[in-house]
Amino acid sequence: MTTEEKLKHFEEAALEEARQKSAKAVEEHRQVLEKLKQDHIDEKDRQAALQIKTETDKLKRANNMAVSKEEIEIKRQISRKHDELKEKLFVEVRQKLDDFMTTSAYQKLLIREIKEVLEVAGEDEVTIYIDPADESMLTSLHAATNTALTLSQYSFGGGIRAVLPSRHILIDNSFSTKLGEIKQDFRFDGGMSHE
């Protein structure tokens, strides 16, 4: 092989090696750029997913708060309606009691309650009060029970009250007290959840 051929062969070999190195460097650079691009895409996807999750959670919280506020308002409305109906109911009950107080059954009830108080008192001193509205029955009640009765200065809506001073006992069978206790403990049961 001549010097010229050797030189040509050396030149071709050097050029081929340079091309291979260049192609390898370009491929490595392309792979680095491709990895950077993929990392950038992955990061943007992660950020977008995080933002979507954050916004979704924020919307869920806002929705839960709105639902909770609405539930509270509905419960308030139900409570107001219950109170309104309760008042109407007890106005009707009071009217029925007033009607009952005009019957002979009411006078029999008073006689029975007076006798029960006398039985509890035994030999002890007792003061039995009747409501001022029942003043017209005072004589007949005294005759039926054979005991002194006191007309109360204050109305207690019917029924009787009695005091046993020696035992420090108040027997309160007044309609206003009983009605008040029933009204205080009264609840509407029913509906979907029976609350």
N, C-alpha and C. Protein backbone atom coordinates (compact mmCIF):
# COMPACT_ATOMS: atom_id res chain seq x y z
N MET A 1 0.84 -1.15 0.00
CA MET A 1 0.00 0.00 0.00
C MET A 1 0.90 1.23 0.00
N THR A 2 0.53 2.15 -0.83
CA THR A 2 1.34 3.35 -0.99
C THR A 2 1.03 4.31 0.13
N THR A 3 1.83 5.28 0.26
CA THR A 3 1.66 6.31 1.29
C THR A 3 0.36 7.06 1.06
N GLU A 4 0.09 7.29 -0.16
CA GLU A 4 -1.16 7.99 -0.46
C GLU A 4 -2.35 7.14 -0.06
N GLU A 5 -2.29 5.89 -0.35
CA GLU A 5 -3.38 5.00 0.02
C GLU A 5 -3.49 4.91 1.53
N LYS A 6 -2.34 4.84 2.18
CA LYS A 6 -2.34 4.79 3.65
C LYS A 6 -2.97 6.05 4.22
N LEU A 7 -2.57 7.17 3.64
CA LEU A 7 -3.10 8.46 4.09
C LEU A 7 -4.60 8.51 3.87
N LYS A 8 -5.06 8.03 2.73
CA LYS A 8 -6.48 8.03 2.40
C LYS A 8 -7.20 7.11 3.37
N HIS A 9 -6.62 5.93 3.62
CA HIS A 9 -7.24 4.99 4.54
C HIS A 9 -7.31 5.58 5.96
N PHE A 10 -6.24 6.24 6.37
CA PHE A 10 -6.20 6.88 7.69
C PHE A 10 -7.25 7.97 7.78
N GLU A 11 -7.36 8.77 6.71
CA GLU A 11 -8.35 9.86 6.66
C GLU A 11 -9.75 9.28 6.76
N GLU A 12 -10.04 8.20 6.01
CA GLU A 12 -11.37 7.60 6.04
C GLU A 12 -11.67 7.03 7.42
N ALA A 13 -10.66 6.39 8.02
CA ALA A 13 -10.84 5.80 9.35
C ALA A 13 -11.08 6.89 10.37
N ALA A 14 -10.33 8.00 10.27
CA ALA A 14 -10.48 9.12 11.20
C ALA A 14 -11.84 9.75 11.03
N LEU A 15 -12.25 9.94 9.76
CA LEU A 15 -13.57 10.53 9.50
C LEU A 15 -14.68 9.61 10.02
N GLU A 16 -14.53 8.30 9.80
CA GLU A 16 -15.56 7.36 10.27
C GLU A 16 -15.65 7.38 11.79
N GLU A 17 -14.49 7.41 12.45
CA GLU A 17 -14.48 7.47 13.91
C GLU A 17 -15.10 8.77 14.40
N ALA A 18 -14.79 9.88 13.73
CA ALA A 18 -15.36 11.18 14.10
C ALA A 18 -16.86 11.15 13.90
N ARG A 19 -17.32 10.55 12.78
CA ARG A 19 -18.77 10.46 12.53
C ARG A 19 -19.44 9.64 13.62
N GLN A 20 -18.83 8.51 13.99
CA GLN A 20 -19.41 7.66 15.03
C GLN A 20 -19.47 8.39 16.37
N LYS A 21 -18.37 9.10 16.70
CA LYS A 21 -18.34 9.86 17.96
C LYS A 21 -19.39 10.96 17.93
N SER A 22 -19.49 11.62 16.79
CA SER A 22 -20.46 12.70 16.63
C SER A 22 -21.88 12.15 16.74
N ALA A 23 -22.13 11.01 16.07
CA ALA A 23 -23.47 10.41 16.11
C ALA A 23 -23.79 9.96 17.53
N LYS A 24 -22.78 9.41 18.22
CA LYS A 24 -22.98 8.97 19.60
C LYS A 24 -23.28 10.17 20.49
N ALA A 25 -22.52 11.27 20.32
CA ALA A 25 -22.73 12.48 21.11
C ALA A 25 -24.11 13.07 20.84
N VAL A 26 -24.50 13.08 19.54
CA VAL A 26 -25.83 13.61 19.18
C VAL A 26 -26.91 12.73 19.80
N GLU A 27 -26.74 11.41 19.74
CA GLU A 27 -27.74 10.49 20.31
C GLU A 27 -27.83 10.67 21.83
N GLU A 28 -26.66 10.78 22.49
CA GLU A 28 -26.67 11.00 23.94
C GLU A 28 -27.36 12.32 24.28
N HIS A 29 -27.07 13.36 23.52
CA HIS A 29 -27.69 14.67 23.74
C HIS A 29 -29.21 14.58 23.50
N ARG A 30 -29.60 13.84 22.43
CA ARG A 30 -31.02 13.68 22.14
C ARG A 30 -31.71 12.94 23.28
N GLN A 31 -31.05 11.89 23.82
CA GLN A 31 -31.63 11.15 24.93
C GLN A 31 -31.76 12.02 26.19
N VAL A 32 -30.73 12.85 26.44
CA VAL A 32 -30.80 13.77 27.60
C VAL A 32 -31.96 14.74 27.42
N LEU A 33 -32.07 15.31 26.19
CA LEU A 33 -33.17 16.24 25.92
C LEU A 33 -34.53 15.53 26.04
N GLU A 34 -34.60 14.29 25.54
CA GLU A 34 -35.85 13.53 25.63
C GLU A 34 -36.22 13.27 27.09
N LYS A 35 -35.20 12.94 27.92
CA LYS A 35 -35.45 12.70 29.34
C LYS A 35 -35.89 13.99 30.01
N LEU A 36 -35.23 15.11 29.69
CA LEU A 36 -35.63 16.41 30.26
C LEU A 36 -37.07 16.74 29.86
N LYS A 37 -37.39 16.47 28.59
CA LYS A 37 -38.75 16.73 28.11
C LYS A 37 -39.76 15.87 28.88
N GLN A 38 -39.44 14.56 29.02
CA GLN A 38 -40.35 13.66 29.73
C GLN A 38 -40.48 14.05 31.21
N ASP A 39 -39.35 14.41 31.84
CA ASP A 39 -39.39 14.87 33.24
C ASP A 39 -40.26 16.11 33.37
N HIS A 40 -40.13 17.03 32.42
CA HIS A 40 -40.92 18.26 32.42
C HIS A 40 -42.41 17.93 32.27
N ILE A 41 -42.73 17.01 31.34
CA ILE A 41 -44.13 16.60 31.13
C ILE A 41 -44.68 15.94 32.39
N ASP A 42 -43.86 15.03 32.98
CA ASP A 42 -44.29 14.35 34.21
C ASP A 42 -44.54 15.35 35.34
N GLU A 43 -43.65 16.32 35.47
CA GLU A 43 -43.79 17.35 36.52
C GLU A 43 -45.05 18.18 36.29
N LYS A 44 -45.30 18.57 35.05
CA LYS A 44 -46.50 19.35 34.73
C LYS A 44 -47.76 18.51 34.99
N ASP A 45 -47.72 17.21 34.62
CA ASP A 45 -48.86 16.33 34.90
C ASP A 45 -49.10 16.20 36.40
N ARG A 46 -48.01 16.04 37.17
CA ARG A 46 -48.12 15.93 38.62
C ARG A 46 -48.71 17.21 39.22
N GLN A 47 -48.21 18.36 38.76
CA GLN A 47 -48.73 19.65 39.24
C GLN A 47 -50.20 19.82 38.88
N ALA A 48 -50.56 19.42 37.66
CA ALA A 48 -51.96 19.53 37.23
C ALA A 48 -52.85 18.61 38.07
N ALA A 49 -52.38 17.37 38.31
CA ALA A 49 -53.16 16.43 39.13
C ALA A 49 -53.31 16.96 40.55
N LEU A 50 -52.23 17.53 41.09
CA LEU A 50 -52.28 18.10 42.44
C LEU A 50 -53.25 19.28 42.49
N GLN A 51 -53.20 20.12 41.47
CA GLN A 51 -54.10 21.27 41.43
C GLN A 51 -55.56 20.81 41.30
N ILE A 52 -55.79 19.79 40.48
CA ILE A 52 -57.15 19.25 40.33
C ILE A 52 -57.63 18.68 41.66
N LYS A 53 -56.75 17.92 42.35
CA LYS A 53 -57.12 17.35 43.64
C LYS A 53 -57.39 18.45 44.65
N THR A 54 -56.54 19.46 44.68
CA THR A 54 -56.72 20.58 45.62
C THR A 54 -58.04 21.29 45.35
N GLU A 55 -58.31 21.58 44.09
CA GLU A 55 -59.56 22.27 43.74
C GLU A 55 -60.78 21.39 44.03
N THR A 56 -60.65 20.08 43.75
CA THR A 56 -61.75 19.15 44.04
C THR A 56 -62.04 19.11 45.54
N ASP A 57 -60.96 19.00 46.34
CA ASP A 57 -61.13 18.99 47.80
C ASP A 57 -61.76 20.30 48.28
N LYS A 58 -61.31 21.40 47.70
CA LYS A 58 -61.85 22.71 48.07
C LYS A 58 -63.34 22.79 47.74
N LEU A 59 -63.72 22.30 46.56
CA LEU A 59 -65.13 22.29 46.16
C LEU A 59 -65.95 21.37 47.06
N LYS A 60 -65.38 20.20 47.42
CA LYS A 60 -66.09 19.28 48.32
C LYS A 60 -66.32 19.94 49.68
N ARG A 61 -65.28 20.61 50.21
CA ARG A 61 -65.42 21.30 51.50
C ARG A 61 -66.48 22.38 51.42
N ALA A 62 -66.44 23.16 50.34
CA ALA A 62 -67.43 24.23 50.17
C ALA A 62 -68.83 23.64 50.06
N ASN A 63 -68.96 22.54 49.33
CA ASN A 63 -70.26 21.87 49.20
C ASN A 63 -70.73 21.33 50.54
N ASN A 64 -69.81 20.69 51.29
CA ASN A 64 -70.17 20.16 52.61
C ASN A 64 -70.62 21.28 53.55
N MET A 65 -69.92 22.42 53.49
CA MET A 65 -70.30 23.56 54.32
C MET A 65 -71.69 24.07 53.93
N ALA A 66 -71.94 24.15 52.64
CA ALA A 66 -73.25 24.63 52.18
C ALA A 66 -74.36 23.66 52.61
N VAL A 67 -74.09 22.36 52.46
CA VAL A 67 -75.08 21.35 52.87
C VAL A 67 -75.31 21.43 54.38
N SER A 68 -74.22 21.58 55.13
CA SER A 68 -74.32 21.67 56.59
C SER A 68 -75.14 22.89 57.01
N LYS A 69 -74.87 24.03 56.37
CA LYS A 69 -75.64 25.25 56.69
C LYS A 69 -77.11 25.05 56.36
N GLU A 70 -77.38 24.41 55.24
CA GLU A 70 -78.77 24.17 54.84
C GLU A 70 -79.45 23.22 55.82
N GLU A 71 -78.72 22.18 56.27
CA GLU A 71 -79.29 21.26 57.26
C GLU A 71 -79.62 21.99 58.55
N ILE A 72 -78.72 22.87 58.98
CA ILE A 72 -78.95 23.65 60.21
C ILE A 72 -80.18 24.52 60.04
N GLU A 73 -80.30 25.17 58.89
CA GLU A 73 -81.46 26.04 58.65
C GLU A 73 -82.76 25.22 58.62
N ILE A 74 -82.71 24.05 58.00
CA ILE A 74 -83.90 23.18 57.96
C ILE A 74 -84.27 22.75 59.38
N LYS A 75 -83.27 22.38 60.19
CA LYS A 75 -83.55 21.99 61.57
C LYS A 75 -84.14 23.15 62.36
N ARG A 76 -83.65 24.36 62.10
CA ARG A 76 -84.21 25.54 62.77
C ARG A 76 -85.67 25.74 62.37
N GLN A 77 -85.94 25.60 61.08
CA GLN A 77 -87.32 25.76 60.60
C GLN A 77 -88.23 24.70 61.22
N ILE A 78 -87.73 23.47 61.28
CA ILE A 78 -88.52 22.39 61.89
C ILE A 78 -88.76 22.69 63.36
N SER A 79 -87.72 23.15 64.04
CA SER A 79 -87.86 23.49 65.46
C SER A 79 -88.87 24.60 65.67
N ARG A 80 -88.81 25.64 64.82
CA ARG A 80 -89.79 26.73 64.94
C ARG A 80 -91.21 26.22 64.69
N LYS A 81 -91.35 25.35 63.69
CA LYS A 81 -92.67 24.79 63.39
C LYS A 81 -93.16 23.92 64.55
N HIS A 82 -92.25 23.13 65.13
CA HIS A 82 -92.61 22.32 66.29
C HIS A 82 -93.09 23.21 67.43
N ASP A 83 -92.35 24.29 67.69
CA ASP A 83 -92.74 25.20 68.77
C ASP A 83 -94.11 25.82 68.49
N GLU A 84 -94.32 26.21 67.24
CA GLU A 84 -95.60 26.80 66.86
C GLU A 84 -96.75 25.80 67.04
N LEU A 85 -96.54 24.57 66.57
CA LEU A 85 -97.57 23.54 66.71
C LEU A 85 -97.78 23.16 68.18
N LYS A 86 -96.69 23.13 68.93
CA LYS A 86 -96.78 22.82 70.36
C LYS A 86 -97.63 23.86 71.07
N GLU A 87 -97.40 25.14 70.75
CA GLU A 87 -98.19 26.21 71.36
C GLU A 87 -99.66 26.06 70.99
N LYS A 88 -99.94 25.80 69.72
CA LYS A 88 -101.33 25.63 69.29
C LYS A 88 -101.98 24.44 70.01
N LEU A 89 -101.22 23.35 70.12
CA LEU A 89 -101.73 22.16 70.79
C LEU A 89 -102.09 22.46 72.24
N PHE A 90 -101.20 23.16 72.94
CA PHE A 90 -101.45 23.41 74.35
C PHE A 90 -102.51 24.48 74.58
N VAL A 91 -102.73 25.35 73.62
CA VAL A 91 -103.88 26.26 73.69
C VAL A 91 -105.16 25.44 73.61
N GLU A 92 -105.18 24.46 72.71
CA GLU A 92 -106.35 23.58 72.59
C GLU A 92 -106.54 22.74 73.85
N VAL A 93 -105.44 22.23 74.41
CA VAL A 93 -105.53 21.43 75.63
C VAL A 93 -106.09 22.29 76.77
N ARG A 94 -105.59 23.53 76.88
CA ARG A 94 -106.08 24.44 77.92
C ARG A 94 -107.57 24.69 77.74
N GLN A 95 -108.01 24.85 76.50
CA GLN A 95 -109.44 25.06 76.23
C GLN A 95 -110.25 23.83 76.65
N LYS A 96 -109.71 22.64 76.36
CA LYS A 96 -110.39 21.40 76.76
C LYS A 96 -110.47 21.31 78.28
N LEU A 97 -109.39 21.71 78.97
CA LEU A 97 -109.42 21.72 80.44
C LEU A 97 -110.46 22.70 80.95
N ASP A 98 -110.51 23.88 80.34
CA ASP A 98 -111.52 24.88 80.74
C ASP A 98 -112.93 24.31 80.55
N ASP A 99 -113.14 23.61 79.43
CA ASP A 99 -114.44 22.98 79.20
C ASP A 99 -114.71 21.89 80.24
N PHE A 100 -113.68 21.10 80.55
CA PHE A 100 -113.81 20.03 81.54
C PHE A 100 -114.17 20.60 82.91
N MET A 101 -113.62 21.77 83.24
CA MET A 101 -113.85 22.37 84.55
C MET A 101 -115.31 22.79 84.75
N THR A 102 -116.11 22.77 83.72
CA THR A 102 -117.54 23.12 83.85
C THR A 102 -118.41 21.88 84.02
N THR A 103 -117.79 20.70 84.07
CA THR A 103 -118.57 19.45 84.15
C THR A 103 -118.62 18.92 85.58
N SER A 104 -119.54 18.00 85.81
CA SER A 104 -119.63 17.34 87.12
C SER A 104 -118.44 16.41 87.33
N ALA A 105 -117.86 15.92 86.26
CA ALA A 105 -116.67 15.05 86.38
C ALA A 105 -115.51 15.81 87.02
N TYR A 106 -115.41 17.10 86.73
CA TYR A 106 -114.36 17.92 87.35
C TYR A 106 -114.59 18.02 88.85
N GLN A 107 -115.84 18.25 89.26
CA GLN A 107 -116.14 18.34 90.69
C GLN A 107 -115.82 17.01 91.37
N LYS A 108 -116.11 15.89 90.73
CA LYS A 108 -115.78 14.57 91.28
C LYS A 108 -114.27 14.39 91.40
N LEU A 109 -113.53 14.90 90.41
CA LEU A 109 -112.06 14.84 90.46
C LEU A 109 -111.55 15.61 91.67
N LEU A 110 -112.07 16.82 91.89
CA LEU A 110 -111.63 17.63 93.03
C LEU A 110 -111.93 16.91 94.34
N ILE A 111 -113.11 16.34 94.46
CA ILE A 111 -113.48 15.61 95.68
C ILE A 111 -112.51 14.45 95.91
N ARG A 112 -112.21 13.68 94.86
CA ARG A 112 -111.28 12.56 94.98
C ARG A 112 -109.89 13.04 95.41
N GLU A 113 -109.39 14.13 94.79
CA GLU A 113 -108.07 14.64 95.15
C GLU A 113 -108.04 15.17 96.58
N ILE A 114 -109.11 15.84 97.02
CA ILE A 114 -109.17 16.34 98.40
C ILE A 114 -109.13 15.16 99.37
N LYS A 115 -109.88 14.11 99.10
CA LYS A 115 -109.89 12.93 99.98
C LYS A 115 -108.51 12.26 100.01
N GLU A 116 -107.82 12.22 98.88
CA GLU A 116 -106.47 11.64 98.84
C GLU A 116 -105.51 12.45 99.69
N VAL A 117 -105.62 13.79 99.63
CA VAL A 117 -104.76 14.65 100.45
C VAL A 117 -105.06 14.41 101.93
N LEU A 118 -106.33 14.32 102.29
CA LEU A 118 -106.71 14.07 103.69
C LEU A 118 -106.16 12.73 104.17
N GLU A 119 -106.15 11.75 103.29
CA GLU A 119 -105.60 10.44 103.64
C GLU A 119 -104.10 10.52 103.88
N VAL A 120 -103.40 11.27 103.02
CA VAL A 120 -101.95 11.45 103.18
C VAL A 120 -101.66 12.20 104.47
N ALA A 121 -102.46 13.22 104.77
CA ALA A 121 -102.23 14.06 105.95
C ALA A 121 -102.50 13.29 107.24
N GLY A 122 -103.44 12.39 107.20
CA GLY A 122 -103.79 11.66 108.42
C GLY A 122 -104.28 12.63 109.49
N GLU A 123 -103.61 12.65 110.65
CA GLU A 123 -103.99 13.53 111.77
C GLU A 123 -103.29 14.88 111.68
N ASP A 124 -102.33 15.04 110.74
CA ASP A 124 -101.58 16.30 110.64
C ASP A 124 -102.46 17.41 110.08
N GLU A 125 -102.07 18.63 110.45
CA GLU A 125 -102.78 19.82 109.94
C GLU A 125 -102.51 19.94 108.44
N VAL A 126 -103.53 20.29 107.68
CA VAL A 126 -103.40 20.45 106.24
C VAL A 126 -104.26 21.63 105.79
N THR A 127 -103.71 22.42 104.86
CA THR A 127 -104.47 23.50 104.25
C THR A 127 -104.65 23.14 102.78
N ILE A 128 -105.90 23.04 102.36
CA ILE A 128 -106.21 22.67 100.97
C ILE A 128 -106.75 23.90 100.26
N TYR A 129 -106.10 24.22 99.13
CA TYR A 129 -106.48 25.40 98.34
C TYR A 129 -107.22 24.95 97.09
N ILE A 130 -108.27 25.71 96.77
CA ILE A 130 -108.92 25.51 95.47
C ILE A 130 -108.74 26.79 94.67
N ASP A 131 -108.83 26.65 93.37
CA ASP A 131 -108.62 27.78 92.45
C ASP A 131 -109.75 28.80 92.60
N PRO A 132 -109.44 30.11 92.50
CA PRO A 132 -110.49 31.14 92.58
C PRO A 132 -111.60 30.93 91.56
N ALA A 133 -111.30 30.31 90.43
CA ALA A 133 -112.32 30.06 89.41
C ALA A 133 -113.35 29.03 89.89
N ASP A 134 -112.98 28.26 90.92
CA ASP A 134 -113.87 27.21 91.44
C ASP A 134 -114.63 27.67 92.69
N GLU A 135 -114.66 28.97 92.92
CA GLU A 135 -115.31 29.51 94.13
C GLU A 135 -116.76 29.05 94.23
N SER A 136 -117.46 28.93 93.13
CA SER A 136 -118.87 28.52 93.16
C SER A 136 -119.04 27.09 93.69
N MET A 137 -117.99 26.28 93.67
CA MET A 137 -118.06 24.90 94.15
C MET A 137 -117.63 24.76 95.60
N LEU A 138 -117.18 25.84 96.22
CA LEU A 138 -116.60 25.78 97.56
C LEU A 138 -117.54 25.10 98.55
N THR A 139 -118.79 25.49 98.57
CA THR A 139 -119.75 24.94 99.53
C THR A 139 -119.99 23.45 99.26
N SER A 140 -120.22 23.09 98.01
CA SER A 140 -120.50 21.68 97.70
C SER A 140 -119.28 20.80 97.95
N LEU A 141 -118.07 21.31 97.68
CA LEU A 141 -116.85 20.54 97.95
C LEU A 141 -116.67 20.33 99.45
N HIS A 142 -116.95 21.39 100.24
CA HIS A 142 -116.84 21.29 101.70
C HIS A 142 -117.83 20.24 102.22
N ALA A 143 -119.03 20.28 101.68
CA ALA A 143 -120.06 19.33 102.12
C ALA A 143 -119.67 17.90 101.75
N ALA A 144 -119.08 17.70 100.56
CA ALA A 144 -118.74 16.35 100.09
C ALA A 144 -117.52 15.78 100.82
N THR A 145 -116.61 16.64 101.28
CA THR A 145 -115.36 16.16 101.90
C THR A 145 -115.33 16.37 103.40
N ASN A 146 -116.26 17.17 103.92
CA ASN A 146 -116.34 17.47 105.35
C ASN A 146 -115.02 18.04 105.87
N THR A 147 -114.43 18.93 105.09
CA THR A 147 -113.19 19.58 105.52
C THR A 147 -113.20 21.02 105.06
N ALA A 148 -112.45 21.85 105.80
CA ALA A 148 -112.36 23.27 105.46
C ALA A 148 -111.46 23.42 104.23
N LEU A 149 -111.89 24.23 103.30
CA LEU A 149 -111.12 24.49 102.09
C LEU A 149 -110.82 25.97 102.02
N THR A 150 -109.68 26.32 101.46
CA THR A 150 -109.27 27.72 101.36
C THR A 150 -109.27 28.12 99.89
N LEU A 151 -109.85 29.27 99.63
CA LEU A 151 -109.85 29.81 98.27
C LEU A 151 -108.50 30.50 98.05
N SER A 152 -107.73 30.05 97.08
CA SER A 152 -106.41 30.62 96.80
C SER A 152 -106.53 32.05 96.30
N GLN A 153 -105.55 32.87 96.67
CA GLN A 153 -105.52 34.25 96.17
C GLN A 153 -105.04 34.28 94.71
N TYR A 154 -104.34 33.23 94.32
CA TYR A 154 -103.75 33.19 92.98
C TYR A 154 -104.37 32.04 92.19
N SER A 155 -104.62 32.29 90.94
CA SER A 155 -105.17 31.24 90.08
C SER A 155 -104.07 30.25 89.71
N PHE A 156 -104.42 28.98 89.75
CA PHE A 156 -103.48 27.96 89.30
C PHE A 156 -104.13 27.04 88.27
N GLY A 157 -105.14 27.57 87.59
CA GLY A 157 -105.71 26.92 86.42
C GLY A 157 -106.59 25.73 86.69
N GLY A 158 -107.04 25.54 87.94
CA GLY A 158 -107.89 24.40 88.28
C GLY A 158 -107.12 23.37 89.05
N GLY A 159 -107.86 22.37 89.60
CA GLY A 159 -107.22 21.36 90.43
C GLY A 159 -107.12 21.86 91.85
N ILE A 160 -106.24 21.25 92.65
CA ILE A 160 -106.05 21.69 94.04
C ILE A 160 -104.57 21.77 94.37
N ARG A 161 -104.30 22.49 95.47
CA ARG A 161 -102.98 22.50 96.08
C ARG A 161 -103.20 22.31 97.57
N ALA A 162 -102.24 21.66 98.20
CA ALA A 162 -102.36 21.44 99.64
C ALA A 162 -100.99 21.60 100.29
N VAL A 163 -101.01 22.10 101.53
CA VAL A 163 -99.77 22.28 102.28
C VAL A 163 -99.90 21.53 103.60
N LEU A 164 -98.90 20.70 103.90
CA LEU A 164 -98.81 20.03 105.19
C LEU A 164 -97.62 20.67 105.92
N PRO A 165 -97.87 21.71 106.74
CA PRO A 165 -96.76 22.47 107.34
C PRO A 165 -95.87 21.62 108.24
N SER A 166 -96.44 20.68 108.98
CA SER A 166 -95.62 19.90 109.92
C SER A 166 -94.61 19.01 109.19
N ARG A 167 -94.92 18.62 107.97
CA ARG A 167 -94.00 17.77 107.19
C ARG A 167 -93.28 18.54 106.09
N HIS A 168 -93.57 19.82 105.98
CA HIS A 168 -92.99 20.66 104.92
C HIS A 168 -93.26 20.07 103.53
N ILE A 169 -94.51 19.72 103.31
CA ILE A 169 -94.90 19.10 102.04
C ILE A 169 -95.90 20.00 101.32
N LEU A 170 -95.65 20.20 100.03
CA LEU A 170 -96.62 20.86 99.15
C LEU A 170 -97.11 19.81 98.16
N ILE A 171 -98.40 19.61 98.15
CA ILE A 171 -99.00 18.71 97.15
C ILE A 171 -99.61 19.61 96.09
N ASP A 172 -99.08 19.50 94.89
CA ASP A 172 -99.53 20.40 93.82
C ASP A 172 -100.21 19.59 92.72
N ASN A 173 -101.52 19.54 92.80
CA ASN A 173 -102.31 18.87 91.76
C ASN A 173 -103.03 19.90 90.91
N SER A 174 -102.37 21.05 90.74
CA SER A 174 -102.99 22.11 89.94
C SER A 174 -102.82 21.80 88.46
N PHE A 175 -103.82 22.22 87.68
CA PHE A 175 -103.75 21.98 86.25
C PHE A 175 -102.60 22.75 85.61
N SER A 176 -102.33 23.96 86.07
CA SER A 176 -101.25 24.74 85.44
C SER A 176 -99.90 24.08 85.65
N THR A 177 -99.66 23.50 86.85
CA THR A 177 -98.39 22.81 87.09
C THR A 177 -98.30 21.55 86.24
N LYS A 178 -99.36 20.76 86.24
CA LYS A 178 -99.34 19.52 85.46
C LYS A 178 -99.20 19.81 83.97
N LEU A 179 -99.93 20.82 83.52
CA LEU A 179 -99.84 21.20 82.11
C LEU A 179 -98.44 21.70 81.77
N GLY A 180 -97.85 22.48 82.69
CA GLY A 180 -96.49 22.98 82.48
C GLY A 180 -95.47 21.85 82.39
N GLU A 181 -95.61 20.84 83.26
CA GLU A 181 -94.69 19.70 83.24
C GLU A 181 -94.84 18.91 81.94
N ILE A 182 -96.08 18.71 81.54
CA ILE A 182 -96.32 17.97 80.29
C ILE A 182 -95.76 18.76 79.11
N LYS A 183 -95.98 20.07 79.14
CA LYS A 183 -95.50 20.92 78.03
C LYS A 183 -93.98 20.91 77.97
N GLN A 184 -93.33 20.95 79.13
CA GLN A 184 -91.87 20.97 79.17
C GLN A 184 -91.29 19.67 78.61
N ASP A 185 -91.93 18.54 78.93
CA ASP A 185 -91.41 17.24 78.49
C ASP A 185 -91.93 16.82 77.13
N PHE A 186 -92.85 17.60 76.57
CA PHE A 186 -93.49 17.21 75.31
C PHE A 186 -92.51 17.27 74.15
N ARG A 187 -92.54 16.22 73.32
CA ARG A 187 -91.74 16.18 72.10
C ARG A 187 -92.59 15.60 70.99
N PHE A 188 -92.33 16.10 69.80
CA PHE A 188 -92.97 15.51 68.62
C PHE A 188 -92.14 14.31 68.21
N ASP A 189 -92.74 13.14 68.20
CA ASP A 189 -92.06 11.95 67.69
C ASP A 189 -92.71 11.59 66.37
N GLY A 190 -91.88 11.19 65.45
CA GLY A 190 -92.42 10.82 64.14
C GLY A 190 -91.52 11.31 63.05
N GLY A 191 -92.05 11.34 61.87
CA GLY A 191 -91.25 11.76 60.73
C GLY A 191 -90.36 10.63 60.28
N MET A 192 -89.38 10.98 59.47
CA MET A 192 -88.52 9.97 58.86
C MET A 192 -87.54 9.37 59.85
N SER A 193 -86.99 10.20 60.77
CA SER A 193 -85.94 9.69 61.64
C SER A 193 -86.38 9.57 63.09
N HIS A 194 -87.61 9.92 63.40
CA HIS A 194 -88.14 9.85 64.77
C HIS A 194 -87.25 10.59 65.75
N GLU A 195 -86.79 11.78 65.37
CA GLU A 195 -85.93 12.58 66.26
C GLU A 195 -86.78 13.41 67.18
